[in-house]
Amino acid sequence: MPDDILSELRAREEEMEALINDARQRAARIREEAAREARALKESLVAAADAEAARLAASEREKTDRDAGEIEEKGRKEASELREHGERKFEGAVSEVMRFLMESIGAPR
């Protein structure tokens, strides 16, 4: 009878060890799968963040290009206005010099 009890205890111990080993293997597979999913999720999030950063950079470049174009156009307009103003002033100065010269030599206006 003691041998039967010992045999039964050994058999149960082997069963328990088999169950524990099986549980350890399942736990290891679960950990591996969780690690794979975490890596995949991280890669997905990084890719999404990179795409968003690229989209924002492109949007900012477009805005900067638009602003630069507006500033350039404004500068051209102001330069043209200044050039026209300068030409008018120059013509006025030439007329004034001519009038002065004509008066100094006694020519009628």
N, C-alpha and C. Protein backbone atom coordinates (compact mmCIF):
# COMPACT_ATOMS: atom_id res chain seq x y z
N MET A 1 0.80 -1.20 0.00
CA MET A 1 0.00 0.00 0.00
C MET A 1 0.85 1.27 0.00
N PRO A 2 1.89 1.35 0.81
CA PRO A 2 2.72 2.54 0.74
C PRO A 2 3.34 2.73 -0.64
N ASP A 3 3.66 1.60 -1.30
CA ASP A 3 4.22 1.73 -2.65
C ASP A 3 3.19 2.30 -3.62
N ASP A 4 1.94 1.90 -3.43
CA ASP A 4 0.87 2.41 -4.29
C ASP A 4 0.69 3.92 -4.08
N ILE A 5 0.75 4.32 -2.83
CA ILE A 5 0.59 5.75 -2.52
C ILE A 5 1.75 6.54 -3.11
N LEU A 6 2.97 6.00 -2.94
CA LEU A 6 4.13 6.68 -3.50
C LEU A 6 4.06 6.73 -5.02
N SER A 7 3.64 5.66 -5.63
CA SER A 7 3.51 5.64 -7.09
C SER A 7 2.47 6.66 -7.54
N GLU A 8 1.37 6.70 -6.82
CA GLU A 8 0.31 7.65 -7.16
C GLU A 8 0.80 9.10 -6.96
N LEU A 9 1.53 9.34 -5.88
CA LEU A 9 2.06 10.68 -5.64
C LEU A 9 3.07 11.08 -6.72
N ARG A 10 3.91 10.14 -7.13
CA ARG A 10 4.87 10.41 -8.20
C ARG A 10 4.14 10.70 -9.52
N ALA A 11 3.11 9.93 -9.77
CA ALA A 11 2.34 10.15 -11.00
C ALA A 11 1.68 11.53 -10.98
N ARG A 12 1.14 11.89 -9.83
CA ARG A 12 0.51 13.21 -9.71
C ARG A 12 1.57 14.32 -9.81
N GLU A 13 2.72 14.07 -9.21
CA GLU A 13 3.79 15.05 -9.29
C GLU A 13 4.22 15.25 -10.74
N GLU A 14 4.34 14.16 -11.48
CA GLU A 14 4.71 14.26 -12.90
C GLU A 14 3.62 15.00 -13.68
N GLU A 15 2.34 14.72 -13.34
CA GLU A 15 1.24 15.43 -13.99
C GLU A 15 1.33 16.93 -13.69
N MET A 16 1.59 17.25 -12.44
CA MET A 16 1.69 18.66 -12.04
C MET A 16 2.87 19.33 -12.74
N GLU A 17 4.00 18.66 -12.81
CA GLU A 17 5.16 19.21 -13.50
C GLU A 17 4.85 19.41 -14.98
N ALA A 18 4.14 18.48 -15.57
CA ALA A 18 3.76 18.61 -16.98
C ALA A 18 2.82 19.81 -17.15
N LEU A 19 1.87 19.96 -16.22
CA LEU A 19 0.95 21.11 -16.29
C LEU A 19 1.71 22.43 -16.10
N ILE A 20 2.65 22.42 -15.15
CA ILE A 20 3.44 23.64 -14.91
C ILE A 20 4.29 23.96 -16.14
N ASN A 21 4.92 22.96 -16.73
CA ASN A 21 5.73 23.19 -17.94
C ASN A 21 4.86 23.71 -19.09
N ASP A 22 3.67 23.11 -19.21
CA ASP A 22 2.74 23.57 -20.24
C ASP A 22 2.34 25.02 -20.00
N ALA A 23 2.04 25.36 -18.74
CA ALA A 23 1.67 26.74 -18.40
C ALA A 23 2.83 27.69 -18.68
N ARG A 24 4.05 27.27 -18.37
CA ARG A 24 5.23 28.11 -18.65
C ARG A 24 5.39 28.34 -20.15
N GLN A 25 5.19 27.30 -20.94
CA GLN A 25 5.31 27.43 -22.39
C GLN A 25 4.24 28.38 -22.94
N ARG A 26 3.01 28.21 -22.43
CA ARG A 26 1.94 29.12 -22.88
C ARG A 26 2.25 30.55 -22.47
N ALA A 27 2.75 30.75 -21.25
CA ALA A 27 3.10 32.09 -20.79
C ALA A 27 4.21 32.68 -21.66
N ALA A 28 5.18 31.88 -22.04
CA ALA A 28 6.28 32.35 -22.89
C ALA A 28 5.73 32.75 -24.27
N ARG A 29 4.82 31.95 -24.82
CA ARG A 29 4.21 32.30 -26.12
C ARG A 29 3.40 33.58 -26.01
N ILE A 30 2.69 33.74 -24.90
CA ILE A 30 1.90 34.96 -24.70
C ILE A 30 2.82 36.17 -24.62
N ARG A 31 3.94 36.04 -23.87
CA ARG A 31 4.90 37.15 -23.77
C ARG A 31 5.49 37.48 -25.13
N GLU A 32 5.86 36.46 -25.90
CA GLU A 32 6.42 36.69 -27.23
C GLU A 32 5.41 37.39 -28.14
N GLU A 33 4.18 36.92 -28.11
CA GLU A 33 3.14 37.54 -28.94
C GLU A 33 2.89 38.99 -28.50
N ALA A 34 2.88 39.23 -27.20
CA ALA A 34 2.68 40.59 -26.70
C ALA A 34 3.83 41.49 -27.13
N ALA A 35 5.05 40.96 -27.08
CA ALA A 35 6.22 41.74 -27.52
C ALA A 35 6.13 42.04 -29.01
N ARG A 36 5.71 41.06 -29.83
CA ARG A 36 5.55 41.27 -31.28
C ARG A 36 4.49 42.34 -31.54
N GLU A 37 3.38 42.24 -30.85
CA GLU A 37 2.30 43.22 -31.03
C GLU A 37 2.75 44.61 -30.59
N ALA A 38 3.51 44.69 -29.50
CA ALA A 38 4.00 45.98 -29.03
C ALA A 38 4.95 46.59 -30.06
N ARG A 39 5.85 45.77 -30.64
CA ARG A 39 6.76 46.27 -31.68
C ARG A 39 5.98 46.75 -32.91
N ALA A 40 4.98 45.95 -33.30
CA ALA A 40 4.18 46.34 -34.47
C ALA A 40 3.43 47.63 -34.21
N LEU A 41 2.88 47.76 -33.01
CA LEU A 41 2.15 48.98 -32.65
C LEU A 41 3.10 50.18 -32.64
N LYS A 42 4.29 49.99 -32.07
CA LYS A 42 5.28 51.07 -32.03
C LYS A 42 5.67 51.48 -33.44
N GLU A 43 5.93 50.50 -34.31
CA GLU A 43 6.30 50.81 -35.69
C GLU A 43 5.17 51.56 -36.40
N SER A 44 3.94 51.14 -36.15
CA SER A 44 2.79 51.80 -36.75
C SER A 44 2.67 53.24 -36.27
N LEU A 45 2.84 53.44 -34.97
CA LEU A 45 2.74 54.79 -34.40
C LEU A 45 3.88 55.68 -34.90
N VAL A 46 5.07 55.12 -35.00
CA VAL A 46 6.21 55.89 -35.51
C VAL A 46 5.95 56.28 -36.97
N ALA A 47 5.44 55.33 -37.76
CA ALA A 47 5.15 55.63 -39.17
C ALA A 47 4.08 56.71 -39.27
N ALA A 48 3.05 56.62 -38.44
CA ALA A 48 1.99 57.63 -38.45
C ALA A 48 2.54 58.99 -38.04
N ALA A 49 3.40 59.01 -37.02
CA ALA A 49 4.00 60.27 -36.57
C ALA A 49 4.90 60.86 -37.65
N ASP A 50 5.66 60.01 -38.33
CA ASP A 50 6.52 60.49 -39.42
C ASP A 50 5.68 61.07 -40.55
N ALA A 51 4.59 60.39 -40.88
CA ALA A 51 3.71 60.88 -41.94
C ALA A 51 3.10 62.22 -41.56
N GLU A 52 2.67 62.35 -40.33
CA GLU A 52 2.09 63.61 -39.85
C GLU A 52 3.13 64.72 -39.86
N ALA A 53 4.35 64.40 -39.43
CA ALA A 53 5.43 65.40 -39.44
C ALA A 53 5.73 65.84 -40.87
N ALA A 54 5.74 64.91 -41.80
CA ALA A 54 5.99 65.26 -43.21
C ALA A 54 4.85 66.12 -43.75
N ARG A 55 3.62 65.80 -43.39
CA ARG A 55 2.47 66.58 -43.83
C ARG A 55 2.54 68.00 -43.28
N LEU A 56 2.88 68.11 -42.00
CA LEU A 56 3.00 69.44 -41.38
C LEU A 56 4.14 70.24 -42.00
N ALA A 57 5.25 69.58 -42.27
CA ALA A 57 6.39 70.27 -42.88
C ALA A 57 6.02 70.77 -44.27
N ALA A 58 5.32 69.94 -45.05
CA ALA A 58 4.89 70.35 -46.39
C ALA A 58 3.93 71.52 -46.31
N SER A 59 3.02 71.45 -45.35
CA SER A 59 2.05 72.53 -45.17
C SER A 59 2.76 73.83 -44.79
N GLU A 60 3.73 73.71 -43.91
CA GLU A 60 4.48 74.90 -43.48
C GLU A 60 5.30 75.47 -44.63
N ARG A 61 5.88 74.58 -45.46
CA ARG A 61 6.63 75.05 -46.63
C ARG A 61 5.71 75.80 -47.59
N GLU A 62 4.52 75.25 -47.81
CA GLU A 62 3.56 75.92 -48.70
C GLU A 62 3.20 77.29 -48.17
N LYS A 63 2.95 77.37 -46.86
CA LYS A 63 2.59 78.65 -46.25
C LYS A 63 3.76 79.64 -46.38
N THR A 64 4.96 79.16 -46.12
CA THR A 64 6.15 80.01 -46.23
C THR A 64 6.33 80.49 -47.66
N ASP A 65 6.14 79.58 -48.62
CA ASP A 65 6.25 79.97 -50.03
C ASP A 65 5.21 81.01 -50.40
N ARG A 66 3.97 80.82 -49.92
CA ARG A 66 2.91 81.80 -50.19
C ARG A 66 3.27 83.15 -49.60
N ASP A 67 3.69 83.12 -48.32
CA ASP A 67 4.06 84.37 -47.65
C ASP A 67 5.22 85.05 -48.37
N ALA A 68 6.22 84.27 -48.78
CA ALA A 68 7.36 84.84 -49.49
C ALA A 68 6.91 85.45 -50.81
N GLY A 69 6.00 84.78 -51.50
CA GLY A 69 5.48 85.31 -52.76
C GLY A 69 4.75 86.62 -52.56
N GLU A 70 3.95 86.69 -51.49
CA GLU A 70 3.22 87.92 -51.18
C GLU A 70 4.19 89.06 -50.84
N ILE A 71 5.20 88.75 -50.06
CA ILE A 71 6.19 89.77 -49.68
C ILE A 71 6.95 90.24 -50.92
N GLU A 72 7.31 89.29 -51.77
CA GLU A 72 8.03 89.64 -52.99
C GLU A 72 7.16 90.53 -53.89
N GLU A 73 5.91 90.17 -54.05
CA GLU A 73 5.01 90.98 -54.87
C GLU A 73 4.84 92.38 -54.28
N LYS A 74 4.69 92.45 -52.96
CA LYS A 74 4.57 93.75 -52.30
C LYS A 74 5.83 94.58 -52.52
N GLY A 75 6.99 93.94 -52.42
CA GLY A 75 8.27 94.63 -52.65
C GLY A 75 8.38 95.14 -54.08
N ARG A 76 7.95 94.32 -55.05
CA ARG A 76 7.98 94.76 -56.45
C ARG A 76 7.08 95.98 -56.65
N LYS A 77 5.89 95.92 -56.06
CA LYS A 77 4.94 97.03 -56.20
C LYS A 77 5.52 98.30 -55.59
N GLU A 78 6.06 98.17 -54.37
CA GLU A 78 6.65 99.34 -53.71
C GLU A 78 7.83 99.88 -54.50
N ALA A 79 8.67 98.99 -55.06
CA ALA A 79 9.82 99.42 -55.85
C ALA A 79 9.34 100.17 -57.09
N SER A 80 8.30 99.65 -57.72
CA SER A 80 7.75 100.32 -58.91
C SER A 80 7.22 101.69 -58.56
N GLU A 81 6.49 101.77 -57.45
CA GLU A 81 5.95 103.06 -57.01
C GLU A 81 7.07 104.04 -56.70
N LEU A 82 8.11 103.56 -56.02
CA LEU A 82 9.24 104.43 -55.69
C LEU A 82 9.96 104.87 -56.95
N ARG A 83 10.12 103.96 -57.91
CA ARG A 83 10.78 104.30 -59.17
C ARG A 83 9.98 105.38 -59.90
N GLU A 84 8.66 105.20 -59.96
CA GLU A 84 7.81 106.20 -60.61
C GLU A 84 7.90 107.54 -59.88
N HIS A 85 7.87 107.49 -58.56
CA HIS A 85 7.97 108.71 -57.78
C HIS A 85 9.32 109.40 -58.04
N GLY A 86 10.38 108.60 -58.06
CA GLY A 86 11.72 109.14 -58.32
C GLY A 86 11.80 109.77 -59.70
N GLU A 87 11.19 109.09 -60.70
CA GLU A 87 11.21 109.64 -62.05
C GLU A 87 10.46 110.97 -62.10
N ARG A 88 9.31 111.05 -61.41
CA ARG A 88 8.57 112.31 -61.38
C ARG A 88 9.40 113.41 -60.71
N LYS A 89 10.04 113.06 -59.60
CA LYS A 89 10.88 114.04 -58.90
C LYS A 89 12.04 114.47 -59.79
N PHE A 90 12.64 113.50 -60.48
CA PHE A 90 13.77 113.80 -61.36
C PHE A 90 13.31 114.74 -62.48
N GLU A 91 12.16 114.43 -63.09
CA GLU A 91 11.62 115.29 -64.15
C GLU A 91 11.34 116.69 -63.61
N GLY A 92 10.81 116.77 -62.40
CA GLY A 92 10.56 118.07 -61.78
C GLY A 92 11.86 118.83 -61.55
N ALA A 93 12.89 118.11 -61.11
CA ALA A 93 14.19 118.74 -60.86
C ALA A 93 14.80 119.22 -62.17
N VAL A 94 14.70 118.41 -63.21
CA VAL A 94 15.23 118.81 -64.51
C VAL A 94 14.49 120.05 -65.00
N SER A 95 13.18 120.06 -64.86
CA SER A 95 12.40 121.23 -65.28
C SER A 95 12.82 122.45 -64.50
N GLU A 96 13.04 122.29 -63.23
CA GLU A 96 13.44 123.41 -62.37
C GLU A 96 14.82 123.92 -62.77
N VAL A 97 15.76 123.02 -63.05
CA VAL A 97 17.11 123.41 -63.47
C VAL A 97 17.03 124.12 -64.82
N MET A 98 16.24 123.55 -65.71
CA MET A 98 16.10 124.18 -67.03
C MET A 98 15.50 125.58 -66.89
N ARG A 99 14.49 125.73 -66.06
CA ARG A 99 13.88 127.05 -65.85
C ARG A 99 14.92 128.02 -65.30
N PHE A 100 15.70 127.56 -64.33
CA PHE A 100 16.74 128.41 -63.73
C PHE A 100 17.77 128.83 -64.77
N LEU A 101 18.20 127.85 -65.58
CA LEU A 101 19.20 128.15 -66.61
C LEU A 101 18.64 129.11 -67.65
N MET A 102 17.41 128.88 -68.04
CA MET A 102 16.79 129.74 -69.05
C MET A 102 16.63 131.16 -68.50
N GLU A 103 16.28 131.28 -67.26
CA GLU A 103 16.11 132.61 -66.66
C GLU A 103 17.47 133.31 -66.53
N SER A 104 18.50 132.53 -66.22
CA SER A 104 19.81 133.13 -66.03
C SER A 104 20.40 133.65 -67.34
N ILE A 105 20.03 133.05 -68.46
CA ILE A 105 20.54 133.57 -69.73
C ILE A 105 19.56 134.55 -70.36
N GLY A 106 18.49 134.80 -69.68
CA GLY A 106 17.54 135.81 -70.11
C GLY A 106 16.51 135.32 -71.10
N ALA A 107 16.38 134.08 -71.26
CA ALA A 107 15.38 133.58 -72.20
C ALA A 107 14.00 133.63 -71.57
N PRO A 108 12.98 133.94 -72.38
CA PRO A 108 11.64 133.96 -71.81
C PRO A 108 11.17 132.53 -71.51
N ARG A 109 10.28 132.44 -70.63
CA ARG A 109 9.77 131.13 -70.24
C ARG A 109 9.05 130.46 -71.31
